[in-house]
Amino acid sequence: MSQHDVRAAVFSAGSWGTAAAKILADAGSSVIMHARRGEIADGINRHHYNPDCFPDIALPTTLTATTDPAAAPDGADFLVLSIPAQSLRANLAAWAPHIGPDTVIMSLMKGIEQDSHLRASQIITEVAGVSADRVAVLTGPNLAREIMTGQPAATTVACTDEDAARRFQRHVTPRTSGPTPALT
C-alpha cells in the first residue's frame, strides 16, 4: 500500500487530533477528521484551518472534516483517537460498528478511565471488540504546536504487532516526527 492509498480517520478536532491529522495528510494520506461542531468542520473544509486550534496554521487540502461519526472511519486504514479518556467508552460504543475489520486504531490519549482504572488501549479492545494487535499507542516528549509547526519532535508508537507500528510509522511525516516502533 503506497502512502497515497492510505486513508486515515481522526476522532477529535482538538489540538492533538489536528496535529495527528496534519502529519498524516502531509505524508500523503487522505485524512478525514471528526469534529463535533459544524463550524470547526466548516473551517477545515472551506478555509483549511482549524478555527479553534491553530487558526494561524494552514491544513493540507487532503484533510477534510465531517460531523458525521459514521462517515469518518468508513474505509480507514488507521483510526486515530484523541478524545478525553473519560468519554472514550461511550463514544467508542457508538463508533465501533463503523470501524473496519483491518483498521489499526491509534490512541493518543493519556491517563486511565476513573471508574475501571483501565488504559485507553484496554478500553478500545474491550468496547470495539478488536484484538490488542490492532491497537497502538502514540506517545512522546512533544507538544501539538511543535508538530504543527514542523519542529523536531520525538515520538514512539507502541503496539503488540510490530508490523502495525511500522506501517503507521511509514505514514507520518518523518521530518517533523520520527516515531520509533516499540513492542508492549
Foldseek 3Di string as FASTA:
>chain_A
DDLQVAEEEEEDPDLVSQLVQQQLVVLNYQYEYADQDPVQQCCCQPVQAGPVYPNVFGGDNSYHYDNDLLPRQAPHQEYEYDDEQQCLLVVCLVNLVNHDQNHQYEYAYDAAHVPPRHDSLVSCCVRSVHDQQSYKYKDFPDDSVQSRVQHATEMEIEGQNQVNRVVVQSSGHCSRYRYDYDYD
